[in-house]
PDB file of N, CA and C in Angstrom:
ATOM      1  N   MET A   1       1.107  -1.253  -0.091  1.00  0.00           N
ATOM      2  CA  MET A   1       0.014  -0.176   0.672  1.00  0.00           C
ATOM      3  C   MET A   1       0.963   1.194   0.189  1.00  0.00           C
ATOM      4  N   THR A   2       0.905   2.140  -1.009  1.00  0.00           N
ATOM      5  CA  THR A   2       1.405   3.449  -0.858  1.00  0.00           C
ATOM      6  C   THR A   2       0.383   4.798  -0.348  1.00  0.00           C
ATOM      7  N   TYR A   3       1.216   5.413  -0.114  1.00  0.00           N
ATOM      8  CA  TYR A   3       0.551   6.847   0.352  1.00  0.00           C
ATOM      9  C   TYR A   3       1.061   7.849  -0.284  1.00  0.00           C
ATOM     10  N   ALA A   4       0.125   8.482  -0.469  1.00  0.00           N
ATOM     11  CA  ALA A   4       0.191  10.076  -0.850  1.00  0.00           C
ATOM     12  C   ALA A   4       1.044  10.799  -0.318  1.00  0.00           C
ATOM     13  N   THR A   5       1.945  11.426  -1.115  1.00  0.00           N
ATOM     14  CA  THR A   5       2.896  12.237  -1.076  1.00  0.00           C
ATOM     15  C   THR A   5       2.230  13.455  -0.201  1.00  0.00           C
ATOM     16  N   ASP A   6       1.567  13.842  -0.839  1.00  0.00           N
ATOM     17  CA  ASP A   6       0.970  15.421  -0.489  1.00  0.00           C
ATOM     18  C   ASP A   6       0.235  15.004   1.123  1.00  0.00           C
ATOM     19  N   ARG A   7      -0.017  13.843   1.160  1.00  0.00           N
ATOM     20  CA  ARG A   7      -0.811  13.377   2.402  1.00  0.00           C
ATOM     21  C   ARG A   7       0.366  13.413   3.673  1.00  0.00           C
ATOM     22  N   ILE A   8       1.475  12.804   2.953  1.00  0.00           N
ATOM     23  CA  ILE A   8       2.635  12.658   4.509  1.00  0.00           C
ATOM     24  C   ILE A   8       3.395  13.854   4.451  1.00  0.00           C
ATOM     25  N   GLN A   9       2.979  14.840   3.559  1.00  0.00           N
ATOM     26  CA  GLN A   9       3.500  16.301   4.079  1.00  0.00           C
ATOM     27  C   GLN A   9       3.085  17.060   5.066  1.00  0.00           C
ATOM     28  N   GLU A  10       1.455  16.827   4.754  1.00  0.00           N
ATOM     29  CA  GLU A  10       0.407  17.529   5.248  1.00  0.00           C
ATOM     30  C   GLU A  10       0.557  17.291   6.466  1.00  0.00           C
ATOM     31  N   GLU A  11       0.958  15.625   6.649  1.00  0.00           N
ATOM     32  CA  GLU A  11       1.127  15.314   8.090  1.00  0.00           C
ATOM     33  C   GLU A  11       2.763  15.537   8.824  1.00  0.00           C
ATOM     34  N   ILE A  12       3.759  15.786   8.760  1.00  0.00           N
ATOM     35  CA  ILE A  12       4.788  16.093   8.706  1.00  0.00           C
ATOM     36  C   ILE A  12       4.581  17.909   9.211  1.00  0.00           C
ATOM     37  N   ALA A  13       3.919  18.446   8.358  1.00  0.00           N
ATOM     38  CA  ALA A  13       3.633  19.984   8.229  1.00  0.00           C
ATOM     39  C   ALA A  13       2.864  19.918   9.772  1.00  0.00           C
ATOM     40  N   TYR A  14       1.879  19.338  10.238  1.00  0.00           N
ATOM     41  CA  TYR A  14       0.888  19.467  11.433  1.00  0.00           C
ATOM     42  C   TYR A  14       1.523  19.399  12.285  1.00  0.00           C
ATOM     43  N   ILE A  15       2.449  17.860  12.003  1.00  0.00           N
ATOM     44  CA  ILE A  15       2.910  17.575  13.460  1.00  0.00           C
ATOM     45  C   ILE A  15       4.370  18.595  13.747  1.00  0.00           C
ATOM     46  N   ALA A  16       5.002  19.385  12.890  1.00  0.00           N
ATOM     47  CA  ALA A  16       6.370  20.263  13.124  1.00  0.00           C
ATOM     48  C   ALA A  16       5.641  21.218  13.906  1.00  0.00           C
ATOM     49  N   TYR A  17       4.509  21.375  13.420  1.00  0.00           N
ATOM     50  CA  TYR A  17       3.722  23.361  13.655  1.00  0.00           C
ATOM     51  C   TYR A  17       3.570  22.957  15.005  1.00  0.00           C
ATOM     52  N   HIS A  18       3.029  21.865  15.706  1.00  0.00           N
ATOM     53  CA  HIS A  18       2.608  21.907  16.801  1.00  0.00           C
ATOM     54  C   HIS A  18       3.062  21.614  17.584  1.00  0.00           C
ATOM     55  N   PHE A  19       4.038  20.520  17.407  1.00  0.00           N
ATOM     56  CA  PHE A  19       5.065  19.978  18.520  1.00  0.00           C
ATOM     57  C   PHE A  19       6.600  20.384  18.280  1.00  0.00           C
ATOM     58  N   HIS A  20       6.981  21.114  17.315  1.00  0.00           N
ATOM     59  CA  HIS A  20       8.048  21.516  16.799  1.00  0.00           C
ATOM     60  C   HIS A  20       9.241  20.574  17.119  1.00  0.00           C
ATOM     61  N   TRP A  21       9.019  19.599  16.408  1.00  0.00           N
ATOM     62  CA  TRP A  21       9.756  18.372  15.978  1.00  0.00           C
ATOM     63  C   TRP A  21      10.603  18.784  14.842  1.00  0.00           C
ATOM     64  N   SER A  22      11.561  17.811  14.670  1.00  0.00           N
ATOM     65  CA  SER A  22      12.210  17.969  13.657  1.00  0.00           C
ATOM     66  C   SER A  22      11.833  17.079  12.405  1.00  0.00           C
ATOM     67  N   LEU A  23      12.360  17.298  11.036  1.00  0.00           N
ATOM     68  CA  LEU A  23      11.720  16.659   9.960  1.00  0.00           C
ATOM     69  C   LEU A  23      12.146  15.298  10.335  1.00  0.00           C
ATOM     70  N   GLU A  24      13.694  15.237  10.738  1.00  0.00           N
ATOM     71  CA  GLU A  24      14.199  13.735  10.851  1.00  0.00           C
ATOM     72  C   GLU A  24      13.275  12.939  11.832  1.00  0.00           C
ATOM     73  N   THR A  25      12.866  13.629  13.068  1.00  0.00           N
ATOM     74  CA  THR A  25      11.904  12.741  14.118  1.00  0.00           C
ATOM     75  C   THR A  25      10.591  12.355  13.001  1.00  0.00           C
ATOM     76  N   ILE A  26      10.120  13.292  12.993  1.00  0.00           N
ATOM     77  CA  ILE A  26       8.834  13.258  12.157  1.00  0.00           C
ATOM     78  C   ILE A  26       9.011  11.733  11.458  1.00  0.00           C
ATOM     79  N   LEU A  27       9.841  11.788  10.513  1.00  0.00           N
ATOM     80  CA  LEU A  27      10.012  11.145   9.414  1.00  0.00           C
ATOM     81  C   LEU A  27      10.476   9.904  10.219  1.00  0.00           C
ATOM     82  N   ASP A  28      11.328   9.798  10.940  1.00  0.00           N
ATOM     83  CA  ASP A  28      11.735   8.349  11.696  1.00  0.00           C
ATOM     84  C   ASP A  28      10.316   7.285  12.505  1.00  0.00           C
ATOM     85  N   LEU A  29       9.042   8.573  12.603  1.00  0.00           N
ATOM     86  CA  LEU A  29       7.999   7.664  13.303  1.00  0.00           C
ATOM     87  C   LEU A  29       7.178   6.175  12.106  1.00  0.00           C
ATOM     88  N   GLU A  30       7.108   5.698  12.577  1.00  0.00           N
ATOM     89  CA  GLU A  30       5.962   4.854  11.774  1.00  0.00           C
ATOM     90  C   GLU A  30       5.159   5.183  11.218  1.00  0.00           C
ATOM     91  N   HIS A  31       4.283   4.645  10.001  1.00  0.00           N
ATOM     92  CA  HIS A  31       3.206   5.941   9.830  1.00  0.00           C
ATOM     93  C   HIS A  31       1.904   5.715  10.824  1.00  0.00           C
ATOM     94  N   ARG A  32       1.517   4.884  11.349  1.00  0.00           N
ATOM     95  CA  ARG A  32       0.717   3.990  12.371  1.00  0.00           C
ATOM     96  C   ARG A  32       0.511   5.179  13.399  1.00  0.00           C
ATOM     97  N   ASP A  33       1.906   5.575  13.580  1.00  0.00           N
ATOM     98  CA  ASP A  33       2.359   6.400  15.230  1.00  0.00           C
ATOM     99  C   ASP A  33       2.245   7.775  14.623  1.00  0.00           C
ATOM    100  N   ARG A  34       2.730   8.327  13.317  1.00  0.00           N
ATOM    101  CA  ARG A  34       2.862  10.079  12.843  1.00  0.00           C
ATOM    102  C   ARG A  34       1.345  10.463  12.837  1.00  0.00           C
ATOM    103  N   ARG A  35       0.466   8.659  12.247  1.00  0.00           N
ATOM    104  CA  ARG A  35      -1.097   9.365  11.718  1.00  0.00           C
ATOM    105  C   ARG A  35      -1.958   9.465  13.375  1.00  0.00           C
ATOM    106  N   GLY A  36      -1.230   8.946  14.262  1.00  0.00           N
ATOM    107  CA  GLY A  36      -1.879   8.841  15.462  1.00  0.00           C
ATOM    108  C   GLY A  36      -1.791  10.584  16.244  1.00  0.00           C
ATOM    109  N   TYR A  37      -0.423  10.480  15.814  1.00  0.00           N
ATOM    110  CA  TYR A  37       0.075  12.095  16.684  1.00  0.00           C
ATOM    111  C   TYR A  37      -1.191  13.126  15.971  1.00  0.00           C
ATOM    112  N   THR A  38      -1.273  13.184  14.576  1.00  0.00           N
ATOM    113  CA  THR A  38      -2.366  14.113  13.687  1.00  0.00           C
ATOM    114  C   THR A  38      -3.261  14.116  14.389  1.00  0.00           C
ATOM    115  N   GLU A  39      -3.731  12.199  14.613  1.00  0.00           N
ATOM    116  CA  GLU A  39      -5.367  12.838  15.237  1.00  0.00           C
ATOM    117  C   GLU A  39      -5.425  13.289  16.539  1.00  0.00           C
ATOM    118  N   GLN A  40      -4.326  12.871  17.627  1.00  0.00           N
ATOM    119  CA  GLN A  40      -4.413  13.651  18.918  1.00  0.00           C
ATOM    120  C   GLN A  40      -4.258  15.089  18.824  1.00  0.00           C
ATOM    121  N   ILE A  41      -3.353  15.384  17.926  1.00  0.00           N
ATOM    122  CA  ILE A  41      -3.089  16.849  18.247  1.00  0.00           C
ATOM    123  C   ILE A  41      -4.615  17.283  17.292  1.00  0.00           C
ATOM    124  N   ALA A  42      -5.017  17.160  16.746  1.00  0.00           N
ATOM    125  CA  ALA A  42      -6.465  17.514  16.082  1.00  0.00           C
ATOM    126  C   ALA A  42      -7.739  17.407  17.063  1.00  0.00           C
ATOM    127  N   ALA A  43      -7.533  16.244  18.053  1.00  0.00           N
ATOM    128  CA  ALA A  43      -8.298  16.008  19.290  1.00  0.00           C
ATOM    129  C   ALA A  43      -8.486  17.667  20.200  1.00  0.00           C
ATOM    130  N   LEU A  44      -7.149  17.967  20.269  1.00  0.00           N
ATOM    131  CA  LEU A  44      -6.702  19.015  21.401  1.00  0.00           C
ATOM    132  C   LEU A  44      -6.730  20.195  20.636  1.00  0.00           C
ATOM    133  N   VAL A  45      -6.502  20.411  19.253  1.00  0.00           N
ATOM    134  CA  VAL A  45      -7.338  21.688  18.841  1.00  0.00           C
ATOM    135  C   VAL A  45      -8.638  21.716  19.071  1.00  0.00           C
ATOM    136  N   ASN A  46      -9.262  20.588  18.346  1.00  0.00           N
ATOM    137  CA  ASN A  46     -10.633  21.207  18.440  1.00  0.00           C
ATOM    138  C   ASN A  46     -11.091  21.361  20.037  1.00  0.00           C
ATOM    139  N   ARG A  47     -10.250  20.746  21.280  1.00  0.00           N
ATOM    140  CA  ARG A  47     -11.015  20.903  22.243  1.00  0.00           C
ATOM    141  C   ARG A  47     -10.832  21.860  22.734  1.00  0.00           C
ATOM    142  N   GLY A  48      -9.687  22.467  22.593  1.00  0.00           N
ATOM    143  CA  GLY A  48      -9.110  23.645  22.831  1.00  0.00           C
ATOM    144  C   GLY A  48     -10.083  25.260  22.077  1.00  0.00           C
ATOM    145  N   ALA A  49     -10.602  24.757  20.777  1.00  0.00           N
ATOM    146  CA  ALA A  49     -11.483  25.845  20.236  1.00  0.00           C
ATOM    147  C   ALA A  49     -13.148  25.997  20.795  1.00  0.00           C
ATOM    148  N   GLY A  50     -13.296  24.617  21.376  1.00  0.00           N
ATOM    149  CA  GLY A  50     -14.619  24.814  22.142  1.00  0.00           C
ATOM    150  C   GLY A  50     -14.346  25.329  23.094  1.00  0.00           C
ATOM    151  N   GLU A  51     -13.543  25.209  24.194  1.00  0.00           N
ATOM    152  CA  GLU A  51     -13.430  25.984  25.687  1.00  0.00           C
ATOM    153  C   GLU A  51     -13.856  27.274  25.274  1.00  0.00           C
ATOM    154  N   GLY A  52     -13.631  28.054  24.169  1.00  0.00           N
ATOM    155  CA  GLY A  52     -13.247  29.947  23.982  1.00  0.00           C
ATOM    156  C   GLY A  52     -14.555  30.268  24.278  1.00  0.00           C
TER     157      GLY A  52
END
């Protein structure tokens, strides 16, 4: 199974923006872990937006 390059770039940018991790650190993650972090970030962002 292949994963679209633009989707990977979106995930990398999202994690880097919110966690300030290096590109190398993010690329070292397994796909499942990287996807899990993006989901967790989204949940935190959505929760924070609802608290305002």
